[in-house]
Amino acid sequence: MKKELKAQVIEAIKANMAQYPNFYIVNIEGLNAEQTATLRRDCFNEEIKLTVVKNTLLHKVIKDAQNEEMEALVPALEGNTALMYCEAPAVPAKLIKKYNKAGNEKPALKAAYVQECAFVGADKLEALINIKSREELIGQIIGMLQSPLQNVISALQNAGGQTIAGVLKTMEEKKN
């Protein structure tokens, strides 16, 4: 591969990493043309960008990033490597598990960089599946904060307005 082409590939990888906050390093070696086409179609439907990369070029990108967490991914750069880029952190893990449930060994998780944390090894698949996106976490927090308020409103409504009148009367008495 010529030096200019390598530089273009490195820049493309950097651009994808800048655009997508999460990426998975997977092995898709041994998939035939039909299986690869099916995987690419499923990735497209799940809004995952799938690209095959050379380990040496990916290693250069990781080294240039000067990110300690990302450097933990280097040991996973052996054998054939493909990258799955995505916005949602758990979507590629769920897709990999779907393929594994169907009896396919590939794609096989090698490592992942999700929400600025490195996950190395196929044993981390379940942890990655359970990761919630930032929006999901915010929604859960809002739900927890709203719950006590909803209980108070519900209690007031169920009392038929008598409680509100009692509260107002008590407040007025304290005022005087």
N, C-alpha and C. Protein backbone atom coordinates (compact mmCIF):
# COMPACT_ATOMS: atom_id res chain seq x y z
N MET A 1 0.85 -1.16 0.00
CA MET A 1 0.00 0.00 0.00
C MET A 1 0.91 1.24 0.00
N LYS A 2 0.61 2.17 -0.89
CA LYS A 2 1.41 3.38 -0.99
C LYS A 2 1.19 4.27 0.22
N LYS A 3 2.20 5.08 0.50
CA LYS A 3 2.17 5.97 1.66
C LYS A 3 0.99 6.94 1.61
N GLU A 4 0.67 7.46 0.42
CA GLU A 4 -0.44 8.40 0.27
C GLU A 4 -1.77 7.73 0.59
N LEU A 5 -1.92 6.49 0.13
CA LEU A 5 -3.15 5.74 0.39
C LEU A 5 -3.29 5.42 1.87
N LYS A 6 -2.17 5.07 2.51
CA LYS A 6 -2.20 4.82 3.95
C LYS A 6 -2.65 6.07 4.71
N ALA A 7 -2.11 7.21 4.31
CA ALA A 7 -2.48 8.47 4.96
C ALA A 7 -3.97 8.76 4.78
N GLN A 8 -4.52 8.45 3.61
CA GLN A 8 -5.95 8.65 3.37
C GLN A 8 -6.79 7.73 4.25
N VAL A 9 -6.37 6.48 4.37
CA VAL A 9 -7.11 5.52 5.19
C VAL A 9 -7.06 5.95 6.66
N ILE A 10 -5.90 6.38 7.12
CA ILE A 10 -5.76 6.84 8.50
C ILE A 10 -6.67 8.03 8.76
N GLU A 11 -6.71 8.96 7.83
CA GLU A 11 -7.58 10.13 7.98
C GLU A 11 -9.06 9.73 7.99
N ALA A 12 -9.41 8.74 7.17
CA ALA A 12 -10.80 8.26 7.13
C ALA A 12 -11.18 7.63 8.48
N ILE A 13 -10.27 6.85 9.06
CA ILE A 13 -10.54 6.23 10.36
C ILE A 13 -10.69 7.32 11.43
N LYS A 14 -9.81 8.30 11.40
CA LYS A 14 -9.89 9.40 12.37
C LYS A 14 -11.20 10.17 12.23
N ALA A 15 -11.61 10.39 10.99
CA ALA A 15 -12.87 11.12 10.75
C ALA A 15 -14.06 10.33 11.29
N ASN A 16 -14.06 9.02 11.07
CA ASN A 16 -15.16 8.19 11.58
C ASN A 16 -15.18 8.18 13.11
N MET A 17 -13.99 8.14 13.72
CA MET A 17 -13.93 8.15 15.19
C MET A 17 -14.38 9.50 15.75
N ALA A 18 -14.14 10.55 14.99
CA ALA A 18 -14.60 11.87 15.43
C ALA A 18 -16.12 11.99 15.27
N GLN A 19 -16.65 11.37 14.22
CA GLN A 19 -18.09 11.46 13.95
C GLN A 19 -18.90 10.55 14.88
N TYR A 20 -18.38 9.36 15.13
CA TYR A 20 -19.10 8.38 15.95
C TYR A 20 -18.37 8.20 17.28
N PRO A 21 -19.03 8.44 18.40
CA PRO A 21 -18.36 8.37 19.70
C PRO A 21 -18.03 6.95 20.16
N ASN A 22 -18.66 5.95 19.58
CA ASN A 22 -18.47 4.57 20.00
C ASN A 22 -18.03 3.72 18.81
N PHE A 23 -17.10 2.80 19.06
CA PHE A 23 -16.74 1.86 18.01
C PHE A 23 -16.37 0.51 18.61
N TYR A 24 -16.65 -0.51 17.85
CA TYR A 24 -16.38 -1.89 18.25
C TYR A 24 -15.34 -2.46 17.30
N ILE A 25 -14.40 -3.21 17.83
CA ILE A 25 -13.41 -3.92 17.02
C ILE A 25 -13.87 -5.37 16.99
N VAL A 26 -14.16 -5.86 15.79
CA VAL A 26 -14.72 -7.21 15.65
C VAL A 26 -13.94 -8.01 14.62
N ASN A 27 -14.13 -9.30 14.68
CA ASN A 27 -13.53 -10.21 13.71
C ASN A 27 -14.65 -10.78 12.85
N ILE A 28 -14.56 -10.55 11.55
CA ILE A 28 -15.56 -11.10 10.63
C ILE A 28 -14.90 -12.07 9.65
N GLU A 29 -13.72 -12.54 10.00
CA GLU A 29 -12.97 -13.46 9.14
C GLU A 29 -13.77 -14.74 8.92
N GLY A 30 -13.76 -15.22 7.71
CA GLY A 30 -14.40 -16.48 7.40
C GLY A 30 -15.84 -16.36 6.94
N LEU A 31 -16.41 -15.18 6.96
CA LEU A 31 -17.77 -15.02 6.45
C LEU A 31 -17.74 -15.06 4.93
N ASN A 32 -18.67 -15.80 4.35
CA ASN A 32 -18.73 -15.82 2.89
C ASN A 32 -19.42 -14.56 2.38
N ALA A 33 -19.52 -14.42 1.08
CA ALA A 33 -20.07 -13.20 0.49
C ALA A 33 -21.51 -12.95 0.94
N GLU A 34 -22.32 -14.00 0.99
CA GLU A 34 -23.72 -13.85 1.39
C GLU A 34 -23.83 -13.42 2.85
N GLN A 35 -23.04 -14.05 3.72
CA GLN A 35 -23.07 -13.70 5.15
C GLN A 35 -22.57 -12.27 5.37
N THR A 36 -21.54 -11.88 4.62
CA THR A 36 -21.01 -10.53 4.75
C THR A 36 -22.05 -9.50 4.29
N ALA A 37 -22.72 -9.79 3.19
CA ALA A 37 -23.75 -8.89 2.68
C ALA A 37 -24.90 -8.76 3.69
N THR A 38 -25.28 -9.87 4.30
CA THR A 38 -26.34 -9.84 5.31
C THR A 38 -25.91 -9.02 6.52
N LEU A 39 -24.67 -9.22 6.96
CA LEU A 39 -24.15 -8.44 8.10
C LEU A 39 -24.12 -6.96 7.77
N ARG A 40 -23.66 -6.60 6.59
CA ARG A 40 -23.61 -5.19 6.19
C ARG A 40 -25.01 -4.59 6.14
N ARG A 41 -25.97 -5.35 5.63
CA ARG A 41 -27.36 -4.88 5.55
C ARG A 41 -27.92 -4.65 6.96
N ASP A 42 -27.67 -5.61 7.86
CA ASP A 42 -28.14 -5.47 9.24
C ASP A 42 -27.48 -4.26 9.92
N CYS A 43 -26.21 -4.07 9.65
CA CYS A 43 -25.51 -2.90 10.21
C CYS A 43 -26.13 -1.61 9.68
N PHE A 44 -26.40 -1.57 8.39
CA PHE A 44 -27.01 -0.39 7.80
C PHE A 44 -28.37 -0.10 8.44
N ASN A 45 -29.18 -1.14 8.62
CA ASN A 45 -30.51 -0.99 9.22
C ASN A 45 -30.43 -0.51 10.67
N GLU A 46 -29.36 -0.86 11.37
CA GLU A 46 -29.19 -0.47 12.77
C GLU A 46 -28.37 0.82 12.91
N GLU A 47 -28.08 1.46 11.79
CA GLU A 47 -27.29 2.69 11.76
C GLU A 47 -25.88 2.49 12.32
N ILE A 48 -25.27 1.39 11.91
CA ILE A 48 -23.90 1.06 12.27
C ILE A 48 -23.07 1.11 10.99
N LYS A 49 -21.94 1.76 11.05
CA LYS A 49 -21.05 1.82 9.89
C LYS A 49 -19.99 0.74 10.08
N LEU A 50 -19.90 -0.18 9.13
CA LEU A 50 -18.96 -1.30 9.20
C LEU A 50 -17.86 -1.11 8.18
N THR A 51 -16.60 -1.12 8.64
CA THR A 51 -15.46 -1.02 7.72
C THR A 51 -14.38 -2.02 8.15
N VAL A 52 -13.70 -2.57 7.17
CA VAL A 52 -12.57 -3.45 7.42
C VAL A 52 -11.32 -2.59 7.42
N VAL A 53 -10.44 -2.81 8.39
CA VAL A 53 -9.23 -2.00 8.51
C VAL A 53 -8.01 -2.88 8.71
N LYS A 54 -6.86 -2.30 8.39
CA LYS A 54 -5.58 -2.97 8.67
C LYS A 54 -5.20 -2.65 10.11
N ASN A 55 -4.73 -3.65 10.83
CA ASN A 55 -4.36 -3.47 12.22
C ASN A 55 -3.28 -2.40 12.40
N THR A 56 -2.31 -2.38 11.50
CA THR A 56 -1.21 -1.41 11.64
C THR A 56 -1.73 0.02 11.51
N LEU A 57 -2.68 0.23 10.61
CA LEU A 57 -3.22 1.58 10.43
C LEU A 57 -4.09 1.99 11.61
N LEU A 58 -4.88 1.06 12.13
CA LEU A 58 -5.70 1.35 13.30
C LEU A 58 -4.80 1.61 14.51
N HIS A 59 -3.73 0.84 14.63
CA HIS A 59 -2.78 1.04 15.72
C HIS A 59 -2.18 2.44 15.65
N LYS A 60 -1.87 2.91 14.44
CA LYS A 60 -1.32 4.26 14.26
C LYS A 60 -2.34 5.31 14.70
N VAL A 61 -3.60 5.12 14.34
CA VAL A 61 -4.66 6.06 14.73
C VAL A 61 -4.79 6.11 16.25
N ILE A 62 -4.78 4.96 16.89
CA ILE A 62 -4.91 4.89 18.35
C ILE A 62 -3.70 5.56 19.01
N LYS A 63 -2.54 5.29 18.47
CA LYS A 63 -1.31 5.90 19.02
C LYS A 63 -1.35 7.43 18.87
N ASP A 64 -1.81 7.90 17.71
CA ASP A 64 -1.89 9.35 17.47
C ASP A 64 -2.93 10.03 18.35
N ALA A 65 -3.94 9.30 18.78
CA ALA A 65 -5.01 9.87 19.61
C ALA A 65 -4.49 10.25 21.00
N GLN A 66 -3.42 9.62 21.44
CA GLN A 66 -2.83 9.88 22.76
C GLN A 66 -3.89 9.81 23.86
N ASN A 67 -4.66 8.73 23.80
CA ASN A 67 -5.73 8.49 24.76
C ASN A 67 -5.40 7.17 25.47
N GLU A 68 -5.11 7.24 26.76
CA GLU A 68 -4.72 6.04 27.51
C GLU A 68 -5.79 4.96 27.46
N GLU A 69 -7.03 5.36 27.57
CA GLU A 69 -8.13 4.39 27.55
C GLU A 69 -8.19 3.68 26.20
N MET A 70 -8.01 4.44 25.14
CA MET A 70 -8.05 3.87 23.80
C MET A 70 -6.85 2.95 23.55
N GLU A 71 -5.71 3.27 24.16
CA GLU A 71 -4.51 2.45 23.98
C GLU A 71 -4.68 1.06 24.57
N ALA A 72 -5.64 0.89 25.47
CA ALA A 72 -5.92 -0.43 26.03
C ALA A 72 -6.48 -1.39 24.98
N LEU A 73 -6.92 -0.85 23.84
CA LEU A 73 -7.47 -1.67 22.76
C LEU A 73 -6.40 -2.33 21.90
N VAL A 74 -5.16 -1.87 21.99
CA VAL A 74 -4.08 -2.35 21.12
C VAL A 74 -3.91 -3.88 21.14
N PRO A 75 -3.96 -4.55 22.30
CA PRO A 75 -3.81 -6.00 22.29
C PRO A 75 -4.84 -6.74 21.44
N ALA A 76 -5.98 -6.12 21.18
CA ALA A 76 -7.03 -6.77 20.38
C ALA A 76 -6.75 -6.68 18.88
N LEU A 77 -5.72 -5.96 18.49
CA LEU A 77 -5.44 -5.76 17.07
C LEU A 77 -4.59 -6.89 16.50
N GLU A 78 -5.17 -8.07 16.47
CA GLU A 78 -4.53 -9.23 15.87
C GLU A 78 -5.55 -9.94 15.00
N GLY A 79 -5.07 -10.52 13.93
CA GLY A 79 -5.96 -11.20 12.99
C GLY A 79 -6.75 -10.19 12.17
N ASN A 80 -7.80 -10.66 11.53
CA ASN A 80 -8.63 -9.75 10.73
C ASN A 80 -9.43 -8.83 11.65
N THR A 81 -9.53 -7.58 11.22
CA THR A 81 -10.21 -6.59 12.06
C THR A 81 -11.19 -5.77 11.24
N ALA A 82 -12.37 -5.60 11.81
CA ALA A 82 -13.37 -4.71 11.23
C ALA A 82 -13.83 -3.78 12.35
N LEU A 83 -14.22 -2.59 11.97
CA LEU A 83 -14.72 -1.61 12.93
C LEU A 83 -16.21 -1.39 12.71
N MET A 84 -16.94 -1.34 13.80
CA MET A 84 -18.36 -1.01 13.77
C MET A 84 -18.51 0.32 14.50
N TYR A 85 -18.79 1.38 13.76
CA TYR A 85 -18.98 2.72 14.35
C TYR A 85 -20.47 2.95 14.58
N CYS A 86 -20.81 3.62 15.69
CA CYS A 86 -22.23 3.88 15.95
C CYS A 86 -22.41 5.03 16.94
N GLU A 87 -23.61 5.58 16.93
CA GLU A 87 -23.98 6.62 17.89
C GLU A 87 -24.44 5.98 19.20
N ALA A 88 -25.32 5.00 19.11
CA ALA A 88 -25.87 4.34 20.30
C ALA A 88 -24.87 3.30 20.80
N PRO A 89 -24.55 3.32 22.09
CA PRO A 89 -23.48 2.47 22.58
C PRO A 89 -23.75 0.96 22.57
N ALA A 90 -24.97 0.54 22.74
CA ALA A 90 -25.25 -0.89 22.88
C ALA A 90 -25.70 -1.58 21.60
N VAL A 91 -26.00 -0.84 20.56
CA VAL A 91 -26.58 -1.43 19.35
C VAL A 91 -25.67 -2.47 18.71
N PRO A 92 -24.37 -2.21 18.50
CA PRO A 92 -23.52 -3.25 17.90
C PRO A 92 -23.42 -4.50 18.77
N ALA A 93 -23.38 -4.33 20.09
CA ALA A 93 -23.31 -5.49 20.98
C ALA A 93 -24.56 -6.36 20.83
N LYS A 94 -25.71 -5.72 20.72
CA LYS A 94 -26.96 -6.47 20.55
C LYS A 94 -26.97 -7.19 19.21
N LEU A 95 -26.43 -6.56 18.17
CA LEU A 95 -26.36 -7.20 16.85
C LEU A 95 -25.42 -8.40 16.89
N ILE A 96 -24.29 -8.27 17.54
CA ILE A 96 -23.35 -9.39 17.66
C ILE A 96 -24.00 -10.54 18.42
N LYS A 97 -24.70 -10.22 19.50
CA LYS A 97 -25.37 -11.27 20.27
C LYS A 97 -26.46 -11.96 19.44
N LYS A 98 -27.17 -11.18 18.63
CA LYS A 98 -28.20 -11.75 17.75
C LYS A 98 -27.58 -12.78 16.81
N TYR A 99 -26.43 -12.45 16.25
CA TYR A 99 -25.74 -13.39 15.36
C TYR A 99 -25.25 -14.61 16.13
N ASN A 100 -24.76 -14.41 17.35
CA ASN A 100 -24.28 -15.53 18.16
C ASN A 100 -25.42 -16.47 18.53
N LYS A 101 -26.61 -15.91 18.84
CA LYS A 101 -27.78 -16.73 19.17
C LYS A 101 -28.22 -17.57 17.98
N ALA A 102 -28.01 -17.02 16.77
CA ALA A 102 -28.39 -17.74 15.56
C ALA A 102 -27.39 -18.83 15.21
N GLY A 103 -26.37 -19.01 16.05
CA GLY A 103 -25.39 -20.07 15.81
C GLY A 103 -24.17 -19.63 15.03
N ASN A 104 -24.04 -18.36 14.76
CA ASN A 104 -22.87 -17.85 14.04
C ASN A 104 -21.78 -17.45 15.02
N GLU A 105 -20.55 -17.82 14.71
CA GLU A 105 -19.43 -17.42 15.56
C GLU A 105 -18.96 -16.01 15.21
N LYS A 106 -19.29 -15.56 14.03
CA LYS A 106 -18.85 -14.25 13.57
C LYS A 106 -20.07 -13.38 13.30
N PRO A 107 -20.03 -12.11 13.54
CA PRO A 107 -18.90 -11.33 14.02
C PRO A 107 -18.58 -11.65 15.48
N ALA A 108 -17.28 -11.66 15.78
CA ALA A 108 -16.83 -11.93 17.14
C ALA A 108 -16.24 -10.64 17.73
N LEU A 109 -16.68 -10.29 18.91
CA LEU A 109 -16.19 -9.09 19.57
C LEU A 109 -14.75 -9.31 20.02
N LYS A 110 -13.89 -8.34 19.66
CA LYS A 110 -12.50 -8.36 20.13
C LYS A 110 -12.31 -7.28 21.20
N ALA A 111 -12.89 -6.11 20.95
CA ALA A 111 -12.78 -5.00 21.90
C ALA A 111 -13.78 -3.92 21.50
N ALA A 112 -13.95 -2.95 22.37
CA ALA A 112 -14.86 -1.83 22.08
C ALA A 112 -14.40 -0.60 22.82
N TYR A 113 -14.69 0.55 22.23
CA TYR A 113 -14.46 1.84 22.87
C TYR A 113 -15.82 2.52 22.92
N VAL A 114 -16.43 2.48 24.10
CA VAL A 114 -17.80 2.95 24.28
C VAL A 114 -17.85 3.94 25.42
N GLN A 115 -18.43 5.10 25.15
CA GLN A 115 -18.58 6.16 26.14
C GLN A 115 -17.25 6.43 26.85
N GLU A 116 -16.21 6.54 26.04
CA GLU A 116 -14.86 6.89 26.48
C GLU A 116 -14.25 5.86 27.42
N CYS A 117 -14.70 4.59 27.32
CA CYS A 117 -14.15 3.50 28.12
C CYS A 117 -13.80 2.34 27.19
N ALA A 118 -12.69 1.68 27.49
CA ALA A 118 -12.26 0.53 26.68
C ALA A 118 -12.79 -0.76 27.30
N PHE A 119 -13.26 -1.64 26.45
CA PHE A 119 -13.72 -2.97 26.85
C PHE A 119 -12.97 -3.96 25.97
N VAL A 120 -12.12 -4.79 26.56
CA VAL A 120 -11.32 -5.71 25.77
C VAL A 120 -11.74 -7.14 26.08
N GLY A 121 -12.03 -7.89 25.05
CA GLY A 121 -12.38 -9.30 25.19
C GLY A 121 -13.84 -9.58 24.89
N ALA A 122 -14.08 -10.78 24.38
CA ALA A 122 -15.43 -11.20 24.03
C ALA A 122 -16.31 -11.35 25.27
N ASP A 123 -15.70 -11.54 26.43
CA ASP A 123 -16.47 -11.70 27.66
C ASP A 123 -17.15 -10.41 28.10
N LYS A 124 -16.84 -9.31 27.48
CA LYS A 124 -17.44 -8.01 27.83
C LYS A 124 -18.74 -7.74 27.06
N LEU A 125 -19.16 -8.68 26.23
CA LEU A 125 -20.34 -8.48 25.38
C LEU A 125 -21.59 -8.19 26.22
N GLU A 126 -21.84 -8.94 27.28
CA GLU A 126 -23.04 -8.72 28.10
C GLU A 126 -23.01 -7.34 28.75
N ALA A 127 -21.85 -6.92 29.22
CA ALA A 127 -21.73 -5.59 29.82
C ALA A 127 -22.05 -4.51 28.80
N LEU A 128 -21.59 -4.70 27.57
CA LEU A 128 -21.84 -3.72 26.51
C LEU A 128 -23.32 -3.68 26.12
N ILE A 129 -23.98 -4.82 26.16
CA ILE A 129 -25.40 -4.87 25.81
C ILE A 129 -26.21 -4.05 26.82
N ASN A 130 -25.79 -4.05 28.08
CA ASN A 130 -26.54 -3.38 29.14
C ASN A 130 -26.20 -1.91 29.31
N ILE A 131 -25.27 -1.39 28.54
CA ILE A 131 -24.92 0.03 28.65
C ILE A 131 -26.07 0.87 28.11
N LYS A 132 -26.40 1.88 28.85
CA LYS A 132 -27.48 2.79 28.43
C LYS A 132 -26.86 4.04 27.82
N SER A 133 -27.58 4.61 26.87
CA SER A 133 -27.12 5.85 26.25
C SER A 133 -27.34 7.00 27.22
N ARG A 134 -26.73 8.10 26.93
CA ARG A 134 -26.85 9.30 27.77
C ARG A 134 -28.32 9.71 27.88
N GLU A 135 -29.05 9.66 26.78
CA GLU A 135 -30.46 10.05 26.77
C GLU A 135 -31.30 9.11 27.63
N GLU A 136 -31.00 7.80 27.58
CA GLU A 136 -31.73 6.85 28.40
C GLU A 136 -31.50 7.11 29.89
N LEU A 137 -30.25 7.41 30.25
CA LEU A 137 -29.94 7.69 31.65
C LEU A 137 -30.64 8.96 32.13
N ILE A 138 -30.65 9.99 31.30
CA ILE A 138 -31.34 11.23 31.66
C ILE A 138 -32.83 10.96 31.85
N GLY A 139 -33.42 10.16 30.97
CA GLY A 139 -34.83 9.80 31.08
C GLY A 139 -35.12 9.07 32.38
N GLN A 140 -34.23 8.15 32.77
CA GLN A 140 -34.43 7.43 34.03
C GLN A 140 -34.35 8.37 35.22
N ILE A 141 -33.40 9.29 35.20
CA ILE A 141 -33.26 10.25 36.31
C ILE A 141 -34.50 11.12 36.41
N ILE A 142 -34.98 11.61 35.28
CA ILE A 142 -36.19 12.44 35.28
C ILE A 142 -37.38 11.64 35.81
N GLY A 143 -37.47 10.39 35.40
CA GLY A 143 -38.55 9.53 35.89
C GLY A 143 -38.50 9.34 37.39
N MET A 144 -37.28 9.16 37.92
CA MET A 144 -37.14 8.99 39.38
C MET A 144 -37.49 10.28 40.11
N LEU A 145 -37.15 11.41 39.52
CA LEU A 145 -37.47 12.68 40.16
C LEU A 145 -38.96 12.99 40.11
N GLN A 146 -39.61 12.57 39.04
CA GLN A 146 -41.04 12.84 38.88
C GLN A 146 -41.90 11.93 39.75
N SER A 147 -41.42 10.78 40.08
CA SER A 147 -42.21 9.80 40.81
C SER A 147 -42.78 10.33 42.13
N PRO A 148 -41.98 10.93 43.01
CA PRO A 148 -42.57 11.44 44.26
C PRO A 148 -43.60 12.54 44.02
N LEU A 149 -43.33 13.40 43.06
CA LEU A 149 -44.28 14.47 42.75
C LEU A 149 -45.60 13.89 42.24
N GLN A 150 -45.52 12.85 41.41
CA GLN A 150 -46.73 12.22 40.90
C GLN A 150 -47.53 11.58 42.03
N ASN A 151 -46.84 11.03 43.03
CA ASN A 151 -47.53 10.42 44.17
C ASN A 151 -48.30 11.47 44.96
N VAL A 152 -47.69 12.63 45.16
CA VAL A 152 -48.36 13.71 45.90
C VAL A 152 -49.59 14.18 45.14
N ILE A 153 -49.43 14.40 43.85
CA ILE A 153 -50.56 14.87 43.03
C ILE A 153 -51.67 13.84 43.02
N SER A 154 -51.30 12.58 42.89
CA SER A 154 -52.30 11.51 42.90
C SER A 154 -53.05 11.47 44.22
N ALA A 155 -52.34 11.62 45.34
CA ALA A 155 -52.99 11.60 46.66
C ALA A 155 -53.95 12.77 46.80
N LEU A 156 -53.54 13.92 46.32
CA LEU A 156 -54.41 15.09 46.40
C LEU A 156 -55.65 14.93 45.54
N GLN A 157 -55.49 14.34 44.37
CA GLN A 157 -56.64 14.14 43.48
C GLN A 157 -57.60 13.10 44.05
N ASN A 158 -57.07 12.06 44.65
CA ASN A 158 -57.91 10.99 45.21
C ASN A 158 -58.68 11.44 46.44
N ALA A 159 -58.22 12.47 47.10
CA ALA A 159 -58.90 12.95 48.30
C ALA A 159 -60.13 13.78 47.95
N GLY A 160 -60.37 14.00 46.70
CA GLY A 160 -61.58 14.71 46.27
C GLY A 160 -61.53 16.19 46.58
N GLY A 161 -60.37 16.76 46.74
CA GLY A 161 -60.27 18.19 46.98
C GLY A 161 -60.37 18.54 48.45
N GLN A 162 -60.78 17.60 49.30
CA GLN A 162 -60.91 17.90 50.72
C GLN A 162 -59.56 18.20 51.35
N THR A 163 -58.54 17.52 50.91
CA THR A 163 -57.21 17.73 51.47
C THR A 163 -56.70 19.12 51.14
N ILE A 164 -56.93 19.57 49.92
CA ILE A 164 -56.48 20.90 49.51
C ILE A 164 -57.17 21.96 50.37
N ALA A 165 -58.47 21.79 50.59
CA ALA A 165 -59.20 22.75 51.43
C ALA A 165 -58.63 22.75 52.84
N GLY A 166 -58.31 21.59 53.37
CA GLY A 166 -57.73 21.49 54.72
C GLY A 166 -56.37 22.16 54.79
N VAL A 167 -55.55 21.96 53.76
CA VAL A 167 -54.22 22.58 53.72
C VAL A 167 -54.35 24.09 53.65
N LEU A 168 -55.25 24.58 52.81
CA LEU A 168 -55.45 26.03 52.69
C LEU A 168 -55.94 26.62 54.00
N LYS A 169 -56.86 25.92 54.66
CA LYS A 169 -57.41 26.42 55.92
C LYS A 169 -56.32 26.50 56.99
N THR A 170 -55.49 25.46 57.05
CA THR A 170 -54.39 25.44 58.01
C THR A 170 -53.40 26.54 57.74
N MET A 171 -53.08 26.78 56.45
CA MET A 171 -52.14 27.83 56.09
C MET A 171 -52.70 29.18 56.47
N GLU A 172 -54.00 29.37 56.29
CA GLU A 172 -54.64 30.65 56.61
C GLU A 172 -54.65 30.88 58.12
N GLU A 173 -54.88 29.84 58.88
CA GLU A 173 -54.89 29.94 60.34
C GLU A 173 -53.51 30.32 60.85
N LYS A 174 -52.45 29.73 60.26
CA LYS A 174 -51.09 30.04 60.68
C LYS A 174 -50.72 31.46 60.32
N LYS A 175 -51.29 31.93 59.26
CA LYS A 175 -51.01 33.29 58.78
C LYS A 175 -51.55 34.32 59.76
N ASN A 176 -52.72 34.01 60.31
CA ASN A 176 -53.38 34.93 61.25
C ASN A 176 -52.82 34.74 62.58
